[in-house]
Each structure stands twice: as C-alpha cells, then as structure tokens.
Amino acid sequence: MANYIRINIGGKERGAKLGIGFLKQITEAEKIDLTELFVKAESETLLFLPVMIFHSISYNDKIAGNEVDYTQDDVYDWVDEISIQSEEIQTFSKAWIESIKVHMPKTEDEGKKTPQKGAKK
C-alpha cells in the first residue's frame, strides 16, 4: 500500500495513512485548504510536520477501529524525543511527498527518454 507506512513513535510502532482520507481529515480539522496545507508543510515544517503526523496516525487508527488515545501535543512531544531529523520522521516526510506525487497530473515530458550525450542517431 503506497499511502501507508509504519513508524516507531510515541513508544510503539504506529500505522500512518497518507491519502485522500488523510487530506480530508487534516484540511477539515485544521480549517485550511489544500494549497495552505502544501504551503504550511513546506514553510512551517518544524511546527506543522507533527500536526501532519498526528492526523496521519489518528486517521489510520480511526479507520482501523483503534482508539485515538493521544493528542497533537503528545505528537509534538514524541517528535521532540526522537528529533525532527530522525529516521522515523524522515521516513514519514518521504512517504508524504510520494503520496502527493501519486495525485499530481503527469507532465508531457514524463516518461520521455532524454537523449544521451554522444548517442548515435
């Protein structure tokens, strides 16, 4: 599943779901549109990444029927404990980027091979 990862945060391994359902939850809960989400993710990474992680793992827990027994503040603390530069957070960040690419329209140049220097015609 391309929009699902497991990360070890808050003292245990947790499922983190990224996709349309996650986007719906975070935009509604944070009262922002998709453009604002992308801007915050890029320009306010330190403060906004824990919010994204919270919504990703809480969305996964909700659809899995698990109790959401943590808050955004807990996730801020968890990120503080392991560092924003930790492998777990970097894994989440990469998964977030990949999950967005899936929904982006392909450009005309995508898939075309670029000529190699010195290639024979």
C-alpha atoms as a PDB file:
ATOM      1  CA  MET A   1       0.000   0.000   0.000  1.00  0.00           C
ATOM      2  CA  ALA A   2       1.793   3.133  -1.226  1.00  0.00           C
ATOM      3  CA  ASN A   3      -0.036   5.523   1.085  1.00  0.00           C
ATOM      4  CA  TYR A   4       0.601   3.547   4.297  1.00  0.00           C
ATOM      5  CA  ILE A   5       3.744   3.286   6.381  1.00  0.00           C
ATOM      6  CA  ARG A   6       4.651   2.140   9.864  1.00  0.00           C
ATOM      7  CA  ILE A   7       6.696   4.433  12.079  1.00  0.00           C
ATOM      8  CA  ASN A   8       8.019   3.938  15.587  1.00  0.00           C
ATOM      9  CA  ILE A   9       6.895   6.990  17.542  1.00  0.00           C
ATOM     10  CA  GLY A  10       5.422   7.524  20.982  1.00  0.00           C
ATOM     11  CA  GLY A  11       6.972   4.351  22.294  1.00  0.00           C
ATOM     12  CA  LYS A  12       5.402   1.991  19.788  1.00  0.00           C
ATOM     13  CA  GLU A  13       5.057   1.180  16.134  1.00  0.00           C
ATOM     14  CA  ARG A  14       2.099   3.004  14.600  1.00  0.00           C
ATOM     15  CA  GLY A  15       0.424   2.921  11.235  1.00  0.00           C
ATOM     16  CA  ALA A  16       0.443   6.206   9.338  1.00  0.00           C
ATOM     17  CA  LYS A  17      -2.009   6.585   6.466  1.00  0.00           C
ATOM     18  CA  LEU A  18      -1.482   9.204   3.780  1.00  0.00           C
ATOM     19  CA  GLY A  19      -4.016   9.660   1.035  1.00  0.00           C
ATOM     20  CA  ILE A  20      -7.289  11.338   0.246  1.00  0.00           C
ATOM     21  CA  GLY A  21      -8.903  10.430   3.584  1.00  0.00           C
ATOM     22  CA  PHE A  22      -5.927  11.869   5.452  1.00  0.00           C
ATOM     23  CA  LEU A  23      -6.096  15.038   3.326  1.00  0.00           C
ATOM     24  CA  LYS A  24      -9.810  15.385   4.080  1.00  0.00           C
ATOM     25  CA  GLN A  25      -9.255  14.974   7.814  1.00  0.00           C
ATOM     26  CA  ILE A  26      -6.333  17.389   8.107  1.00  0.00           C
ATOM     27  CA  THR A  27      -7.863  20.129   5.948  1.00  0.00           C
ATOM     28  CA  GLU A  28     -11.184  19.984   7.804  1.00  0.00           C
ATOM     29  CA  ALA A  29      -9.678  19.760  11.294  1.00  0.00           C
ATOM     30  CA  GLU A  30      -7.116  22.500  10.689  1.00  0.00           C
ATOM     31  CA  LYS A  31      -9.565  24.631   8.678  1.00  0.00           C
ATOM     32  CA  ILE A  32      -7.196  25.010   5.732  1.00  0.00           C
ATOM     33  CA  ASP A  33      -7.439  24.211   2.039  1.00  0.00           C
ATOM     34  CA  LEU A  34      -5.014  22.023   0.124  1.00  0.00           C
ATOM     35  CA  THR A  35      -2.923  24.978  -1.041  1.00  0.00           C
ATOM     36  CA  GLU A  36      -2.499  26.168   2.539  1.00  0.00           C
ATOM     37  CA  LEU A  37      -1.598  22.623   3.583  1.00  0.00           C
ATOM     38  CA  PHE A  38       1.192  22.451   0.999  1.00  0.00           C
ATOM     39  CA  VAL A  39       2.477  25.915   1.953  1.00  0.00           C
ATOM     40  CA  LYS A  40       2.498  25.052   5.673  1.00  0.00           C
ATOM     41  CA  ALA A  41       4.178  21.707   5.010  1.00  0.00           C
ATOM     42  CA  GLU A  42       6.966  23.494   3.140  1.00  0.00           C
ATOM     43  CA  SER A  43       7.378  26.767   5.005  1.00  0.00           C
ATOM     44  CA  GLU A  44       6.459  25.750   8.584  1.00  0.00           C
ATOM     45  CA  THR A  45       7.899  22.245   8.575  1.00  0.00           C
ATOM     46  CA  LEU A  46       9.185  22.207  12.142  1.00  0.00           C
ATOM     47  CA  LEU A  47       5.815  23.158  13.611  1.00  0.00           C
ATOM     48  CA  PHE A  48       3.481  21.612  11.049  1.00  0.00           C
ATOM     49  CA  LEU A  49       5.057  18.191  10.488  1.00  0.00           C
ATOM     50  CA  PRO A  50       3.914  16.915  13.915  1.00  0.00           C
ATOM     51  CA  VAL A  51       0.379  18.063  13.053  1.00  0.00           C
ATOM     52  CA  MET A  52       0.571  16.060   9.835  1.00  0.00           C
ATOM     53  CA  ILE A  53       1.864  13.018  11.711  1.00  0.00           C
ATOM     54  CA  PHE A  54      -0.960  13.326  14.245  1.00  0.00           C
ATOM     55  CA  HIS A  55      -3.605  13.374  11.525  1.00  0.00           C
ATOM     56  CA  SER A  56      -1.925  10.577   9.615  1.00  0.00           C
ATOM     57  CA  ILE A  57      -1.742   8.166  12.552  1.00  0.00           C
ATOM     58  CA  SER A  58      -5.101   9.190  14.029  1.00  0.00           C
ATOM     59  CA  TYR A  59      -6.805   8.735  10.640  1.00  0.00           C
ATOM     60  CA  ASN A  60      -5.239   5.289  10.382  1.00  0.00           C
ATOM     61  CA  ASP A  61      -6.363   4.411  13.922  1.00  0.00           C
ATOM     62  CA  LYS A  62      -9.923   5.615  13.248  1.00  0.00           C
ATOM     63  CA  ILE A  63     -10.368   3.538  10.107  1.00  0.00           C
ATOM     64  CA  ALA A  64      -8.747   0.542  11.815  1.00  0.00           C
ATOM     65  CA  GLY A  65     -11.204   0.858  14.704  1.00  0.00           C
ATOM     66  CA  ASN A  66      -8.495   1.736  17.234  1.00  0.00           C
ATOM     67  CA  GLU A  67      -8.904   4.283  19.994  1.00  0.00           C
ATOM     68  CA  VAL A  68      -7.098   7.577  19.419  1.00  0.00           C
ATOM     69  CA  ASP A  69      -5.606   7.882  22.909  1.00  0.00           C
ATOM     70  CA  TYR A  70      -3.148  10.690  22.141  1.00  0.00           C
ATOM     71  CA  THR A  71      -3.319  14.347  21.174  1.00  0.00           C
ATOM     72  CA  GLN A  72      -1.431  16.692  18.868  1.00  0.00           C
ATOM     73  CA  ASP A  73       0.515  17.840  21.915  1.00  0.00           C
ATOM     74  CA  ASP A  74       1.573  14.227  22.547  1.00  0.00           C
ATOM     75  CA  VAL A  75       2.859  14.023  18.972  1.00  0.00           C
ATOM     76  CA  TYR A  76       4.842  17.269  19.442  1.00  0.00           C
ATOM     77  CA  ASP A  77       6.457  15.643  22.494  1.00  0.00           C
ATOM     78  CA  TRP A  78       7.150  12.412  20.582  1.00  0.00           C
ATOM     79  CA  VAL A  79       8.856  14.328  17.782  1.00  0.00           C
ATOM     80  CA  ASP A  80      10.890  16.265  20.364  1.00  0.00           C
ATOM     81  CA  GLU A  81      12.004  12.953  21.900  1.00  0.00           C
ATOM     82  CA  ILE A  82      13.254  11.452  18.628  1.00  0.00           C
ATOM     83  CA  SER A  83      14.185  14.658  16.728  1.00  0.00           C
ATOM     84  CA  ILE A  84      12.762  16.093  13.543  1.00  0.00           C
ATOM     85  CA  GLN A  85      15.888  14.748  11.802  1.00  0.00           C
ATOM     86  CA  SER A  86      15.295  11.155  12.974  1.00  0.00           C
ATOM     87  CA  GLU A  87      14.922   8.294  10.535  1.00  0.00           C
ATOM     88  CA  GLU A  88      11.275   7.870  11.542  1.00  0.00           C
ATOM     89  CA  ILE A  89      10.385  11.470  10.744  1.00  0.00           C
ATOM     90  CA  GLN A  90      12.395  11.392   7.514  1.00  0.00           C
ATOM     91  CA  THR A  91      10.531   8.207   6.505  1.00  0.00           C
ATOM     92  CA  PHE A  92       7.221   9.966   7.132  1.00  0.00           C
ATOM     93  CA  SER A  93       8.329  13.041   5.147  1.00  0.00           C
ATOM     94  CA  LYS A  94       9.351  10.932   2.159  1.00  0.00           C
ATOM     95  CA  ALA A  95       6.095   8.976   2.273  1.00  0.00           C
ATOM     96  CA  TRP A  96       4.150  12.267   2.380  1.00  0.00           C
ATOM     97  CA  ILE A  97       5.924  13.542  -0.727  1.00  0.00           C
ATOM     98  CA  GLU A  98       5.392  10.267  -2.588  1.00  0.00           C
ATOM     99  CA  SER A  99       1.702  10.171  -1.623  1.00  0.00           C
ATOM    100  CA  ILE A 100       1.170  13.607  -3.155  1.00  0.00           C
ATOM    101  CA  LYS A 101       3.020  12.727  -6.365  1.00  0.00           C
ATOM    102  CA  VAL A 102       0.512   9.940  -6.998  1.00  0.00           C
ATOM    103  CA  HIS A 103      -2.284  12.505  -7.377  1.00  0.00           C
ATOM    104  CA  MET A 104      -0.398  15.049  -9.461  1.00  0.00           C
ATOM    105  CA  PRO A 105      -1.072  15.191 -13.192  1.00  0.00           C
ATOM    106  CA  LYS A 106       1.750  13.823 -15.309  1.00  0.00           C
ATOM    107  CA  THR A 107       3.628  16.325 -17.426  1.00  0.00           C
ATOM    108  CA  GLU A 108       4.197  15.870 -21.151  1.00  0.00           C
ATOM    109  CA  ASP A 109       7.914  15.272 -20.589  1.00  0.00           C
ATOM    110  CA  GLU A 110       7.375  12.485 -18.056  1.00  0.00           C
ATOM    111  CA  GLY A 111       8.196   9.135 -19.460  1.00  0.00           C
ATOM    112  CA  LYS A 112      10.185  10.522 -22.380  1.00  0.00           C
ATOM    113  CA  LYS A 113      13.789   9.458 -22.510  1.00  0.00           C
ATOM    114  CA  THR A 114      16.332  12.214 -22.784  1.00  0.00           C
ATOM    115  CA  PRO A 115      18.989  11.735 -25.443  1.00  0.00           C
ATOM    116  CA  GLN A 116      22.321  10.634 -24.007  1.00  0.00           C
ATOM    117  CA  LYS A 117      25.381  12.640 -24.855  1.00  0.00           C
ATOM    118  CA  GLY A 118      27.251  11.041 -27.700  1.00  0.00           C
ATOM    119  CA  ALA A 119      24.367   8.721 -28.580  1.00  0.00           C
ATOM    120  CA  LYS A 120      24.149   7.685 -32.219  1.00  0.00           C
ATOM    121  CA  LYS A 121      21.100   8.735 -34.143  1.00  0.00           C
END
